[in-house]
């Protein structure tokens, strides 16, 4: 997938009406400060389209980025930021739930997990919660450049086990610094936008393994370990 253009089209707050888009949507969820904005900027080959910050909890809205005039990247609010009030957390949760329930064009949900650490209770809760909404999250293991290459497989297994990922769940390691994993993620997004069933966030593993750039033998970065 080649990125030709991208723009922030719609920003939705707690009380905003969600757009009734007619193009496919790909959603990104993740804990505060996991690198969600950096991932979106990296995928779109832009430096600051999605605002990054050292302060967790920066994304408090649902942001719709129109990509190539043919699909949307949907940036969901981060979760698990301790300094945000319980009331605010509940508002963000309801906002995300409303989006997952109402979107007619959502093709896949990416859940970002920091590859350096075992998934937190919030990560596990979000994984199960997204599944309960009818989607199978695809995991993006961020901050890949922060660990040694020899430790990658060990940490991917830690993420898979820690999140309680079901068999066949894809995990894409990604580095915002080196952009490793970018092309594989974009290839997957292109496949989803081209016609994956809305009810499932991921194609059956048997179909995925034959697609470009996504292999189960460890040579691609869509790992099945």
N, C-alpha and C. Protein backbone atom coordinates (compact mmCIF):
# COMPACT_ATOMS: atom_id res chain seq x y z
N UNK A 1 0.85 -1.19 0.00
CA UNK A 1 0.00 0.00 0.00
C UNK A 1 0.88 1.24 0.00
N UNK A 2 0.69 2.11 -0.96
CA UNK A 2 1.46 3.35 -1.07
C UNK A 2 0.60 4.51 -0.58
N UNK A 3 1.13 5.29 0.37
CA UNK A 3 0.40 6.42 0.91
C UNK A 3 0.63 7.64 0.01
N UNK A 4 -0.44 8.12 -0.60
CA UNK A 4 -0.34 9.26 -1.51
C UNK A 4 -0.75 10.56 -0.81
N UNK A 5 -1.74 10.49 0.05
CA UNK A 5 -2.17 11.67 0.78
C UNK A 5 -2.94 11.24 2.02
N UNK A 6 -2.94 12.11 3.02
CA UNK A 6 -3.65 11.84 4.27
C UNK A 6 -3.97 13.16 4.94
N UNK A 7 -5.15 13.21 5.57
CA UNK A 7 -5.55 14.42 6.26
C UNK A 7 -6.46 14.08 7.43
N UNK A 8 -6.38 14.91 8.47
CA UNK A 8 -7.30 14.77 9.60
C UNK A 8 -8.63 15.38 9.17
N UNK A 9 -9.65 14.55 9.05
CA UNK A 9 -10.93 15.02 8.52
C UNK A 9 -11.95 15.33 9.61
N UNK A 10 -12.04 14.46 10.63
CA UNK A 10 -13.08 14.64 11.65
C UNK A 10 -12.52 14.35 13.03
N UNK A 11 -12.89 15.19 14.00
CA UNK A 11 -12.52 15.00 15.40
C UNK A 11 -13.81 14.93 16.21
N UNK A 12 -14.00 13.83 16.94
CA UNK A 12 -15.24 13.62 17.70
C UNK A 12 -14.95 13.56 19.20
N UNK A 13 -15.65 14.40 19.95
CA UNK A 13 -15.57 14.36 21.40
C UNK A 13 -16.66 13.48 21.97
N UNK A 14 -16.81 13.56 23.28
CA UNK A 14 -17.76 12.70 23.99
C UNK A 14 -19.18 12.88 23.50
N UNK A 15 -19.55 14.12 23.22
CA UNK A 15 -20.94 14.40 22.84
C UNK A 15 -21.11 14.55 21.32
N UNK A 16 -20.02 14.38 20.57
CA UNK A 16 -20.09 14.57 19.12
C UNK A 16 -20.84 13.43 18.44
N UNK A 17 -21.45 13.76 17.33
CA UNK A 17 -22.07 12.74 16.50
C UNK A 17 -20.99 12.11 15.63
N UNK A 18 -20.92 10.80 15.63
CA UNK A 18 -19.91 10.11 14.83
C UNK A 18 -20.27 10.21 13.35
N UNK A 19 -19.26 10.35 12.50
CA UNK A 19 -19.55 10.49 11.06
C UNK A 19 -20.10 9.19 10.47
N UNK A 20 -20.98 9.33 9.51
CA UNK A 20 -21.54 8.17 8.81
C UNK A 20 -20.72 7.97 7.53
N UNK A 21 -19.51 7.44 7.72
CA UNK A 21 -18.60 7.30 6.59
C UNK A 21 -19.04 6.19 5.64
N UNK A 22 -18.64 6.32 4.40
CA UNK A 22 -18.94 5.29 3.40
C UNK A 22 -17.69 4.54 2.97
N UNK A 23 -16.53 4.93 3.50
CA UNK A 23 -15.27 4.27 3.17
C UNK A 23 -14.85 3.35 4.32
N UNK A 24 -14.05 2.32 4.04
CA UNK A 24 -13.59 1.40 5.09
C UNK A 24 -12.83 2.14 6.20
N UNK A 25 -12.96 1.63 7.42
CA UNK A 25 -12.29 2.22 8.57
C UNK A 25 -11.39 1.18 9.25
N UNK A 26 -10.21 1.61 9.66
CA UNK A 26 -9.27 0.79 10.42
C UNK A 26 -9.01 1.52 11.73
N UNK A 27 -9.30 0.89 12.86
CA UNK A 27 -9.20 1.56 14.15
C UNK A 27 -7.92 1.15 14.89
N UNK A 28 -7.40 2.09 15.69
CA UNK A 28 -6.19 1.88 16.47
C UNK A 28 -6.50 2.17 17.94
N UNK A 29 -6.31 1.15 18.79
CA UNK A 29 -6.53 1.30 20.23
C UNK A 29 -5.23 0.97 20.96
N UNK A 30 -5.10 1.51 22.15
CA UNK A 30 -3.89 1.20 22.91
C UNK A 30 -3.79 2.02 24.17
N UNK A 31 -2.99 1.54 25.09
CA UNK A 31 -2.74 2.23 26.35
C UNK A 31 -2.08 3.58 26.09
N UNK A 32 -2.33 4.54 26.96
CA UNK A 32 -1.70 5.84 26.85
C UNK A 32 -0.18 5.70 26.80
N UNK A 33 0.45 6.41 25.89
CA UNK A 33 1.91 6.45 25.74
C UNK A 33 2.49 5.16 25.16
N UNK A 34 1.68 4.36 24.48
CA UNK A 34 2.18 3.12 23.88
C UNK A 34 2.76 3.37 22.49
N UNK A 35 2.54 4.59 21.95
CA UNK A 35 3.08 4.93 20.65
C UNK A 35 2.06 4.93 19.53
N UNK A 36 0.81 5.18 19.87
CA UNK A 36 -0.26 5.12 18.87
C UNK A 36 -0.13 6.23 17.83
N UNK A 37 0.09 7.46 18.30
CA UNK A 37 0.25 8.58 17.37
C UNK A 37 1.50 8.41 16.52
N UNK A 38 2.58 7.92 17.14
CA UNK A 38 3.82 7.68 16.39
C UNK A 38 3.62 6.63 15.32
N UNK A 39 2.83 5.60 15.62
CA UNK A 39 2.53 4.56 14.64
C UNK A 39 1.76 5.14 13.46
N UNK A 40 0.72 5.90 13.76
CA UNK A 40 -0.10 6.48 12.69
C UNK A 40 0.74 7.40 11.81
N UNK A 41 1.56 8.25 12.43
CA UNK A 41 2.44 9.12 11.66
C UNK A 41 3.41 8.30 10.80
N UNK A 42 3.93 7.21 11.37
CA UNK A 42 4.87 6.36 10.65
C UNK A 42 4.22 5.67 9.46
N UNK A 43 3.02 5.15 9.67
CA UNK A 43 2.31 4.48 8.57
C UNK A 43 1.98 5.45 7.44
N UNK A 44 1.62 6.68 7.83
CA UNK A 44 1.23 7.68 6.84
C UNK A 44 2.42 8.45 6.29
N UNK A 45 3.61 8.16 6.82
CA UNK A 45 4.83 8.83 6.39
C UNK A 45 4.74 10.34 6.59
N UNK A 46 4.18 10.70 7.73
CA UNK A 46 4.06 12.11 8.11
C UNK A 46 4.70 12.31 9.47
N UNK A 47 5.25 13.48 9.71
CA UNK A 47 5.96 13.71 10.97
C UNK A 47 5.03 14.08 12.12
N UNK A 48 3.98 14.81 11.83
CA UNK A 48 3.17 15.32 12.94
C UNK A 48 1.69 15.45 12.61
N UNK A 49 1.18 14.59 11.73
CA UNK A 49 -0.25 14.64 11.44
C UNK A 49 -1.04 14.26 12.69
N UNK A 50 -0.63 13.14 13.31
CA UNK A 50 -1.19 12.77 14.62
C UNK A 50 -0.27 13.34 15.68
N UNK A 51 -0.82 14.10 16.60
CA UNK A 51 0.01 14.78 17.59
C UNK A 51 0.57 13.80 18.61
N UNK A 52 1.88 13.85 18.78
CA UNK A 52 2.54 13.02 19.79
C UNK A 52 2.89 13.88 20.99
N UNK A 53 3.01 13.24 22.14
CA UNK A 53 3.34 13.96 23.37
C UNK A 53 3.98 13.02 24.37
N UNK A 54 4.88 13.57 25.17
CA UNK A 54 5.48 12.78 26.25
C UNK A 54 4.50 12.60 27.39
N UNK A 55 3.43 13.40 27.35
CA UNK A 55 2.41 13.31 28.40
C UNK A 55 1.35 12.30 28.01
N UNK A 56 1.18 11.23 28.79
CA UNK A 56 0.16 10.23 28.47
C UNK A 56 -1.23 10.84 28.49
N UNK A 57 -2.16 10.18 27.79
CA UNK A 57 -3.55 10.63 27.81
C UNK A 57 -3.82 11.80 26.90
N UNK A 58 -2.94 12.04 25.92
CA UNK A 58 -3.09 13.21 25.04
C UNK A 58 -4.31 13.08 24.12
N UNK A 59 -4.53 11.88 23.58
CA UNK A 59 -5.67 11.68 22.68
C UNK A 59 -6.94 11.47 23.50
N UNK A 60 -7.81 12.47 23.49
CA UNK A 60 -9.05 12.40 24.26
C UNK A 60 -10.26 12.45 23.35
N UNK A 61 -10.03 12.32 22.07
CA UNK A 61 -11.10 12.34 21.09
C UNK A 61 -10.92 11.16 20.13
N UNK A 62 -11.92 10.91 19.30
CA UNK A 62 -11.78 9.94 18.22
C UNK A 62 -11.46 10.73 16.97
N UNK A 63 -10.29 10.46 16.39
CA UNK A 63 -9.81 11.23 15.25
C UNK A 63 -9.85 10.38 13.98
N UNK A 64 -10.45 10.91 12.95
CA UNK A 64 -10.60 10.21 11.68
C UNK A 64 -9.64 10.82 10.65
N UNK A 65 -8.69 10.01 10.19
CA UNK A 65 -7.73 10.44 9.18
C UNK A 65 -8.11 9.80 7.84
N UNK A 66 -8.38 10.63 6.86
CA UNK A 66 -8.72 10.12 5.54
C UNK A 66 -7.43 9.83 4.77
N UNK A 67 -7.29 8.60 4.29
CA UNK A 67 -6.05 8.15 3.67
C UNK A 67 -6.31 7.79 2.21
N UNK A 68 -5.54 8.41 1.31
CA UNK A 68 -5.66 8.14 -0.13
C UNK A 68 -7.07 8.32 -0.66
N UNK A 69 -7.90 9.04 0.08
CA UNK A 69 -9.30 9.27 -0.28
C UNK A 69 -10.06 7.96 -0.48
N UNK A 70 -9.55 6.88 0.19
CA UNK A 70 -10.21 5.58 0.00
C UNK A 70 -10.44 4.80 1.28
N UNK A 71 -9.92 5.27 2.41
CA UNK A 71 -10.19 4.63 3.70
C UNK A 71 -9.87 5.59 4.82
N UNK A 72 -10.23 5.20 6.05
CA UNK A 72 -9.96 6.02 7.23
C UNK A 72 -9.12 5.25 8.25
N UNK A 73 -8.15 5.93 8.84
CA UNK A 73 -7.51 5.47 10.07
C UNK A 73 -8.24 6.16 11.21
N UNK A 74 -8.68 5.39 12.19
CA UNK A 74 -9.45 5.94 13.30
C UNK A 74 -8.65 5.77 14.59
N UNK A 75 -8.22 6.90 15.15
CA UNK A 75 -7.39 6.93 16.35
C UNK A 75 -8.31 7.04 17.57
N UNK A 76 -8.35 5.98 18.38
CA UNK A 76 -9.22 5.95 19.55
C UNK A 76 -8.48 6.47 20.78
N UNK A 77 -9.20 7.01 21.78
CA UNK A 77 -8.54 7.53 22.98
C UNK A 77 -7.72 6.45 23.69
N UNK A 78 -6.58 6.86 24.25
CA UNK A 78 -5.77 5.93 25.03
C UNK A 78 -6.44 5.57 26.34
N UNK A 79 -6.06 4.43 26.90
CA UNK A 79 -6.66 3.99 28.16
C UNK A 79 -5.56 3.74 29.20
N UNK A 80 -5.98 3.63 30.45
CA UNK A 80 -5.06 3.22 31.50
C UNK A 80 -4.21 4.33 32.08
N UNK A 81 -4.52 5.60 31.77
CA UNK A 81 -3.72 6.70 32.32
C UNK A 81 -4.19 7.00 33.74
N UNK A 82 -3.32 6.78 34.70
CA UNK A 82 -3.71 6.82 36.12
C UNK A 82 -4.16 8.20 36.58
N UNK A 83 -3.63 9.27 35.96
CA UNK A 83 -3.93 10.62 36.45
C UNK A 83 -5.24 11.17 35.91
N UNK A 84 -5.91 10.42 35.07
CA UNK A 84 -7.22 10.83 34.58
C UNK A 84 -8.29 10.33 35.55
N UNK A 85 -9.28 11.17 35.82
CA UNK A 85 -10.32 10.79 36.77
C UNK A 85 -11.12 9.61 36.27
N UNK A 86 -11.72 8.88 37.20
CA UNK A 86 -12.57 7.74 36.84
C UNK A 86 -13.71 8.17 35.94
N UNK A 87 -14.25 9.36 36.20
CA UNK A 87 -15.35 9.87 35.37
C UNK A 87 -14.90 10.05 33.92
N UNK A 88 -13.68 10.61 33.74
CA UNK A 88 -13.15 10.80 32.40
C UNK A 88 -12.91 9.46 31.70
N UNK A 89 -12.35 8.50 32.44
CA UNK A 89 -12.11 7.18 31.88
C UNK A 89 -13.41 6.54 31.40
N UNK A 90 -14.46 6.68 32.20
CA UNK A 90 -15.75 6.11 31.84
C UNK A 90 -16.31 6.78 30.58
N UNK A 91 -16.10 8.10 30.47
CA UNK A 91 -16.57 8.82 29.28
C UNK A 91 -15.85 8.31 28.03
N UNK A 92 -14.52 8.14 28.14
CA UNK A 92 -13.74 7.65 27.00
C UNK A 92 -14.19 6.23 26.64
N UNK A 93 -14.43 5.41 27.66
CA UNK A 93 -14.87 4.04 27.42
C UNK A 93 -16.20 4.01 26.68
N UNK A 94 -17.13 4.85 27.09
CA UNK A 94 -18.43 4.90 26.43
C UNK A 94 -18.29 5.41 24.99
N UNK A 95 -17.37 6.35 24.80
CA UNK A 95 -17.15 6.89 23.46
C UNK A 95 -16.61 5.81 22.53
N UNK A 96 -15.64 5.02 23.00
CA UNK A 96 -15.08 3.93 22.20
C UNK A 96 -16.15 2.88 21.92
N UNK A 97 -16.92 2.54 22.94
CA UNK A 97 -17.97 1.53 22.78
C UNK A 97 -19.00 1.99 21.76
N UNK A 98 -19.36 3.27 21.82
CA UNK A 98 -20.34 3.80 20.87
C UNK A 98 -19.81 3.70 19.45
N UNK A 99 -18.52 3.97 19.29
CA UNK A 99 -17.94 3.87 17.94
C UNK A 99 -17.95 2.43 17.45
N UNK A 100 -17.49 1.49 18.28
CA UNK A 100 -17.42 0.09 17.85
C UNK A 100 -18.81 -0.46 17.53
N UNK A 101 -19.81 0.00 18.26
CA UNK A 101 -21.16 -0.49 18.02
C UNK A 101 -21.81 0.14 16.78
N UNK A 102 -21.47 1.40 16.50
CA UNK A 102 -22.22 2.13 15.48
C UNK A 102 -21.54 2.17 14.11
N UNK A 103 -20.21 1.96 14.06
CA UNK A 103 -19.54 2.06 12.77
C UNK A 103 -20.01 0.96 11.83
N UNK A 104 -20.39 1.37 10.63
CA UNK A 104 -20.82 0.41 9.62
C UNK A 104 -19.67 0.01 8.71
N UNK A 105 -18.54 0.70 8.83
CA UNK A 105 -17.44 0.49 7.90
C UNK A 105 -16.18 -0.05 8.56
N UNK A 106 -16.20 -0.33 9.85
CA UNK A 106 -15.01 -0.79 10.56
C UNK A 106 -14.60 -2.17 10.07
N UNK A 107 -13.38 -2.28 9.57
CA UNK A 107 -12.88 -3.52 9.01
C UNK A 107 -11.94 -4.27 9.95
N UNK A 108 -11.20 -3.54 10.79
CA UNK A 108 -10.24 -4.19 11.66
C UNK A 108 -9.88 -3.27 12.81
N UNK A 109 -9.55 -3.85 13.96
CA UNK A 109 -9.12 -3.09 15.13
C UNK A 109 -7.71 -3.54 15.50
N UNK A 110 -6.77 -2.61 15.48
CA UNK A 110 -5.42 -2.87 15.95
C UNK A 110 -5.33 -2.51 17.43
N UNK A 111 -4.75 -3.40 18.21
CA UNK A 111 -4.50 -3.13 19.63
C UNK A 111 -2.98 -3.06 19.82
N UNK A 112 -2.49 -1.91 20.28
CA UNK A 112 -1.06 -1.70 20.46
C UNK A 112 -0.63 -2.12 21.85
N UNK A 113 0.44 -2.91 21.92
CA UNK A 113 1.01 -3.37 23.18
C UNK A 113 2.52 -3.08 23.15
N UNK A 114 3.06 -2.57 24.24
CA UNK A 114 4.50 -2.31 24.36
C UNK A 114 5.24 -3.65 24.44
N UNK A 115 6.08 -3.93 23.44
CA UNK A 115 6.75 -5.23 23.37
C UNK A 115 7.72 -5.46 24.52
N UNK A 116 8.13 -4.40 25.21
CA UNK A 116 9.13 -4.53 26.27
C UNK A 116 8.58 -5.17 27.53
N UNK A 117 7.27 -5.04 27.73
CA UNK A 117 6.69 -5.43 29.01
C UNK A 117 5.55 -6.43 28.83
N UNK A 118 5.33 -7.20 29.86
CA UNK A 118 4.17 -8.09 29.85
C UNK A 118 2.90 -7.25 29.82
N UNK A 119 1.90 -7.64 29.03
CA UNK A 119 0.66 -6.86 28.96
C UNK A 119 0.06 -6.62 30.34
N UNK A 120 -0.43 -5.42 30.54
CA UNK A 120 -1.03 -5.05 31.81
C UNK A 120 -2.46 -5.58 31.92
N UNK A 121 -3.03 -5.43 33.11
CA UNK A 121 -4.43 -5.82 33.31
C UNK A 121 -5.34 -5.02 32.38
N UNK A 122 -5.01 -3.73 32.18
CA UNK A 122 -5.79 -2.89 31.27
C UNK A 122 -5.70 -3.39 29.84
N UNK A 123 -4.50 -3.84 29.43
CA UNK A 123 -4.33 -4.39 28.08
C UNK A 123 -5.19 -5.63 27.90
N UNK A 124 -5.15 -6.53 28.88
CA UNK A 124 -5.93 -7.77 28.78
C UNK A 124 -7.42 -7.47 28.76
N UNK A 125 -7.82 -6.50 29.59
CA UNK A 125 -9.23 -6.13 29.64
C UNK A 125 -9.68 -5.54 28.31
N UNK A 126 -8.83 -4.70 27.69
CA UNK A 126 -9.19 -4.10 26.41
C UNK A 126 -9.27 -5.16 25.32
N UNK A 127 -8.34 -6.11 25.32
CA UNK A 127 -8.37 -7.18 24.33
C UNK A 127 -9.68 -7.95 24.41
N UNK A 128 -10.07 -8.35 25.61
CA UNK A 128 -11.31 -9.10 25.79
C UNK A 128 -12.52 -8.24 25.48
N UNK A 129 -12.45 -6.97 25.82
CA UNK A 129 -13.57 -6.08 25.59
C UNK A 129 -13.81 -5.86 24.10
N UNK A 130 -12.71 -5.68 23.33
CA UNK A 130 -12.86 -5.52 21.88
C UNK A 130 -13.46 -6.78 21.27
N UNK A 131 -13.01 -7.95 21.74
CA UNK A 131 -13.57 -9.20 21.26
C UNK A 131 -15.06 -9.30 21.58
N UNK A 132 -15.43 -8.81 22.75
CA UNK A 132 -16.84 -8.85 23.15
C UNK A 132 -17.71 -7.97 22.26
N UNK A 133 -17.09 -6.98 21.61
CA UNK A 133 -17.82 -6.11 20.70
C UNK A 133 -17.96 -6.72 19.31
N UNK A 134 -17.34 -7.90 19.11
CA UNK A 134 -17.49 -8.59 17.84
C UNK A 134 -16.29 -8.51 16.92
N UNK A 135 -15.15 -8.04 17.43
CA UNK A 135 -13.95 -7.90 16.61
C UNK A 135 -12.79 -8.69 17.23
N UNK A 136 -11.95 -9.25 16.38
CA UNK A 136 -10.74 -9.93 16.83
C UNK A 136 -9.57 -8.98 16.66
N UNK A 137 -9.04 -8.42 17.74
CA UNK A 137 -7.96 -7.44 17.60
C UNK A 137 -6.71 -8.05 16.97
N UNK A 138 -6.06 -7.26 16.14
CA UNK A 138 -4.74 -7.59 15.62
C UNK A 138 -3.74 -6.82 16.46
N UNK A 139 -2.73 -7.51 16.98
CA UNK A 139 -1.80 -6.88 17.91
C UNK A 139 -0.64 -6.24 17.15
N UNK A 140 -0.31 -5.00 17.52
CA UNK A 140 0.93 -4.36 17.07
C UNK A 140 1.81 -4.19 18.30
N UNK A 141 2.95 -4.87 18.29
CA UNK A 141 3.90 -4.81 19.41
C UNK A 141 4.87 -3.66 19.14
N UNK A 142 4.64 -2.54 19.82
CA UNK A 142 5.40 -1.32 19.55
C UNK A 142 6.74 -1.30 20.29
N UNK A 143 7.54 -0.27 19.94
CA UNK A 143 8.83 -0.01 20.57
C UNK A 143 9.82 -1.16 20.36
N UNK A 144 9.77 -1.76 19.16
CA UNK A 144 10.62 -2.88 18.82
C UNK A 144 12.10 -2.56 18.94
N UNK A 145 12.47 -1.32 18.64
CA UNK A 145 13.88 -0.93 18.68
C UNK A 145 14.43 -0.84 20.11
N UNK A 146 13.57 -0.94 21.10
CA UNK A 146 14.00 -0.82 22.50
C UNK A 146 14.51 -2.13 23.08
N UNK A 147 14.40 -3.23 22.34
CA UNK A 147 14.90 -4.51 22.83
C UNK A 147 15.91 -5.08 21.83
N UNK A 148 16.76 -5.98 22.31
CA UNK A 148 17.74 -6.62 21.44
C UNK A 148 17.05 -7.57 20.48
N UNK A 149 17.64 -7.71 19.29
CA UNK A 149 17.06 -8.58 18.28
C UNK A 149 16.92 -10.01 18.79
N UNK A 150 17.87 -10.44 19.60
CA UNK A 150 17.84 -11.81 20.11
C UNK A 150 16.67 -12.05 21.06
N UNK A 151 16.07 -10.96 21.57
CA UNK A 151 14.98 -11.08 22.53
C UNK A 151 13.59 -10.95 21.89
N UNK A 152 13.55 -10.69 20.59
CA UNK A 152 12.27 -10.39 19.94
C UNK A 152 11.28 -11.55 20.07
N UNK A 153 11.70 -12.75 19.69
CA UNK A 153 10.77 -13.88 19.73
C UNK A 153 10.27 -14.15 21.15
N UNK A 154 11.17 -14.03 22.12
CA UNK A 154 10.79 -14.24 23.52
C UNK A 154 9.73 -13.22 23.94
N UNK A 155 9.91 -11.97 23.54
CA UNK A 155 8.97 -10.92 23.95
C UNK A 155 7.65 -11.03 23.19
N UNK A 156 7.70 -11.46 21.93
CA UNK A 156 6.45 -11.67 21.20
C UNK A 156 5.62 -12.78 21.84
N UNK A 157 6.30 -13.82 22.28
CA UNK A 157 5.59 -14.90 22.97
C UNK A 157 5.01 -14.40 24.29
N UNK A 158 5.76 -13.53 24.98
CA UNK A 158 5.28 -12.95 26.24
C UNK A 158 4.02 -12.12 26.00
N UNK A 159 4.01 -11.35 24.92
CA UNK A 159 2.84 -10.54 24.59
C UNK A 159 1.65 -11.43 24.27
N UNK A 160 1.88 -12.44 23.42
CA UNK A 160 0.79 -13.33 23.03
C UNK A 160 0.19 -14.04 24.24
N UNK A 161 1.06 -14.59 25.09
CA UNK A 161 0.58 -15.31 26.27
C UNK A 161 -0.07 -14.36 27.26
N UNK A 162 0.57 -13.20 27.47
CA UNK A 162 0.07 -12.25 28.46
C UNK A 162 -1.27 -11.66 28.11
N UNK A 163 -1.52 -11.48 26.82
CA UNK A 163 -2.79 -10.90 26.39
C UNK A 163 -3.88 -11.95 26.30
N UNK A 164 -3.48 -13.23 26.34
CA UNK A 164 -4.45 -14.30 26.20
C UNK A 164 -4.99 -14.38 24.78
N UNK A 165 -4.10 -14.12 23.81
CA UNK A 165 -4.53 -14.08 22.42
C UNK A 165 -4.99 -15.45 21.96
N UNK A 166 -6.09 -15.47 21.23
CA UNK A 166 -6.60 -16.73 20.72
C UNK A 166 -5.72 -17.22 19.58
N UNK A 167 -5.80 -18.49 19.27
CA UNK A 167 -5.00 -19.08 18.21
C UNK A 167 -5.31 -18.40 16.88
N UNK A 168 -4.26 -18.07 16.13
CA UNK A 168 -4.43 -17.42 14.84
C UNK A 168 -4.33 -15.91 14.88
N UNK A 169 -4.27 -15.32 16.10
CA UNK A 169 -4.16 -13.87 16.21
C UNK A 169 -2.81 -13.40 15.65
N UNK A 170 -2.85 -12.38 14.81
CA UNK A 170 -1.63 -11.84 14.24
C UNK A 170 -0.98 -10.84 15.18
N UNK A 171 0.36 -10.86 15.22
CA UNK A 171 1.12 -9.88 15.99
C UNK A 171 2.17 -9.28 15.06
N UNK A 172 2.11 -7.98 14.89
CA UNK A 172 3.09 -7.27 14.06
C UNK A 172 4.06 -6.50 14.96
N UNK A 173 5.34 -6.88 15.01
CA UNK A 173 6.31 -6.04 15.71
C UNK A 173 6.53 -4.75 14.92
N UNK A 174 6.69 -3.62 15.64
CA UNK A 174 6.83 -2.35 14.94
C UNK A 174 7.77 -1.42 15.70
N UNK A 175 8.59 -0.70 14.94
CA UNK A 175 9.48 0.31 15.50
C UNK A 175 9.18 1.65 14.86
N UNK A 176 8.82 2.65 15.68
CA UNK A 176 8.59 4.00 15.16
C UNK A 176 9.90 4.63 14.72
N UNK A 177 11.02 4.16 15.27
CA UNK A 177 12.32 4.71 14.93
C UNK A 177 12.82 4.22 13.58
N UNK A 178 12.79 2.90 13.36
CA UNK A 178 13.33 2.33 12.13
C UNK A 178 12.25 2.05 11.09
N UNK A 179 10.98 2.13 11.49
CA UNK A 179 9.83 1.81 10.63
C UNK A 179 9.75 0.33 10.28
N UNK A 180 10.48 -0.53 11.02
CA UNK A 180 10.37 -1.97 10.78
C UNK A 180 8.95 -2.42 11.08
N UNK A 181 8.37 -3.16 10.16
CA UNK A 181 6.99 -3.62 10.29
C UNK A 181 5.99 -2.77 9.54
N UNK A 182 6.40 -1.59 9.07
CA UNK A 182 5.48 -0.66 8.41
C UNK A 182 4.83 -1.28 7.18
N UNK A 183 5.65 -1.83 6.29
CA UNK A 183 5.11 -2.35 5.03
C UNK A 183 4.15 -3.51 5.26
N UNK A 184 4.48 -4.38 6.22
CA UNK A 184 3.62 -5.53 6.51
C UNK A 184 2.27 -5.07 7.06
N UNK A 185 2.29 -4.06 7.93
CA UNK A 185 1.04 -3.54 8.48
C UNK A 185 0.20 -2.89 7.38
N UNK A 186 0.85 -2.12 6.52
CA UNK A 186 0.12 -1.47 5.43
C UNK A 186 -0.45 -2.49 4.45
N UNK A 187 0.30 -3.57 4.18
CA UNK A 187 -0.22 -4.63 3.32
C UNK A 187 -1.48 -5.24 3.92
N UNK A 188 -1.43 -5.48 5.23
CA UNK A 188 -2.59 -6.06 5.91
C UNK A 188 -3.79 -5.11 5.84
N UNK A 189 -3.54 -3.81 6.10
CA UNK A 189 -4.61 -2.82 6.05
C UNK A 189 -5.24 -2.79 4.66
N UNK A 190 -4.41 -2.86 3.65
CA UNK A 190 -4.92 -2.85 2.27
C UNK A 190 -5.84 -4.04 2.02
N UNK A 191 -5.45 -5.20 2.56
CA UNK A 191 -6.29 -6.39 2.42
C UNK A 191 -7.62 -6.23 3.13
N UNK A 192 -7.59 -5.69 4.34
CA UNK A 192 -8.82 -5.50 5.10
C UNK A 192 -9.75 -4.52 4.40
N UNK A 193 -9.18 -3.42 3.91
CA UNK A 193 -10.00 -2.40 3.26
C UNK A 193 -10.60 -2.91 1.95
N UNK A 194 -9.94 -3.93 1.38
CA UNK A 194 -10.40 -4.44 0.09
C UNK A 194 -11.58 -5.40 0.20
N UNK A 195 -11.92 -5.81 1.43
CA UNK A 195 -13.11 -6.65 1.49
C UNK A 195 -13.20 -7.69 2.56
N UNK A 196 -12.48 -7.56 3.68
CA UNK A 196 -12.66 -8.51 4.78
C UNK A 196 -14.06 -8.35 5.35
N UNK A 197 -14.70 -9.43 5.81
CA UNK A 197 -16.04 -9.32 6.40
C UNK A 197 -16.06 -8.37 7.58
N UNK A 198 -17.06 -7.51 7.66
CA UNK A 198 -17.16 -6.54 8.73
C UNK A 198 -17.21 -7.20 10.10
N UNK A 199 -17.81 -8.39 10.20
CA UNK A 199 -18.02 -9.01 11.50
C UNK A 199 -16.72 -9.50 12.13
N UNK A 200 -15.68 -9.63 11.35
CA UNK A 200 -14.42 -10.13 11.88
C UNK A 200 -13.33 -9.11 11.69
N UNK A 201 -12.51 -8.94 12.72
CA UNK A 201 -11.41 -8.01 12.63
C UNK A 201 -10.19 -8.62 11.99
N UNK A 202 -10.21 -9.91 11.70
CA UNK A 202 -9.06 -10.57 11.10
C UNK A 202 -9.55 -11.75 10.26
N UNK A 203 -8.97 -11.95 9.12
CA UNK A 203 -9.31 -13.10 8.29
C UNK A 203 -8.83 -14.38 8.94
N UNK A 204 -9.43 -15.53 8.61
CA UNK A 204 -8.93 -16.79 9.14
C UNK A 204 -7.46 -16.96 8.84
N UNK A 205 -6.73 -17.57 9.77
CA UNK A 205 -5.29 -17.70 9.65
C UNK A 205 -4.90 -18.41 8.36
N UNK A 206 -5.72 -19.37 7.93
CA UNK A 206 -5.38 -20.12 6.72
C UNK A 206 -5.38 -19.21 5.50
N UNK A 207 -6.23 -18.17 5.49
CA UNK A 207 -6.27 -17.25 4.37
C UNK A 207 -5.13 -16.24 4.48
N UNK A 208 -4.88 -15.76 5.70
CA UNK A 208 -3.88 -14.73 5.91
C UNK A 208 -2.48 -15.20 5.53
N UNK A 209 -2.16 -16.44 5.86
CA UNK A 209 -0.79 -16.90 5.68
C UNK A 209 -0.36 -16.90 4.22
N UNK A 210 -1.31 -16.92 3.31
CA UNK A 210 -0.97 -16.94 1.89
C UNK A 210 -0.91 -15.54 1.29
N UNK A 211 -1.28 -14.51 2.11
CA UNK A 211 -1.29 -13.15 1.59
C UNK A 211 0.11 -12.53 1.60
N UNK A 212 0.31 -11.54 0.80
CA UNK A 212 1.62 -10.90 0.66
C UNK A 212 2.12 -10.34 1.98
N UNK A 213 3.35 -10.71 2.35
CA UNK A 213 4.02 -10.12 3.49
C UNK A 213 3.58 -10.63 4.84
N UNK A 214 2.65 -11.56 4.89
CA UNK A 214 2.17 -12.06 6.17
C UNK A 214 2.29 -13.57 6.16
N UNK A 215 3.25 -14.08 6.92
CA UNK A 215 3.55 -15.50 6.89
C UNK A 215 3.55 -16.08 8.30
N UNK A 216 3.39 -17.40 8.34
CA UNK A 216 3.36 -18.05 9.64
C UNK A 216 4.69 -18.74 9.95
N UNK A 217 5.66 -18.63 9.04
CA UNK A 217 6.89 -19.37 9.23
C UNK A 217 7.99 -18.56 9.89
N UNK A 218 7.66 -17.34 10.34
CA UNK A 218 8.62 -16.51 11.03
C UNK A 218 9.42 -15.61 10.11
N UNK A 219 9.23 -15.74 8.77
CA UNK A 219 9.97 -14.91 7.83
C UNK A 219 9.30 -13.58 7.58
N UNK A 220 7.99 -13.54 7.75
CA UNK A 220 7.28 -12.28 7.67
C UNK A 220 7.20 -11.70 9.08
N UNK A 221 6.69 -10.48 9.22
CA UNK A 221 6.59 -9.91 10.57
C UNK A 221 5.19 -10.00 11.14
N UNK A 222 4.27 -10.64 10.41
CA UNK A 222 2.99 -10.96 11.01
C UNK A 222 3.16 -12.32 11.67
N UNK A 223 3.63 -12.33 12.91
CA UNK A 223 4.06 -13.57 13.55
C UNK A 223 2.89 -14.40 14.06
N UNK A 224 3.04 -15.68 13.99
CA UNK A 224 2.10 -16.61 14.60
C UNK A 224 2.94 -17.56 15.44
N UNK A 225 3.18 -17.19 16.70
CA UNK A 225 4.11 -17.98 17.51
C UNK A 225 3.43 -18.53 18.75
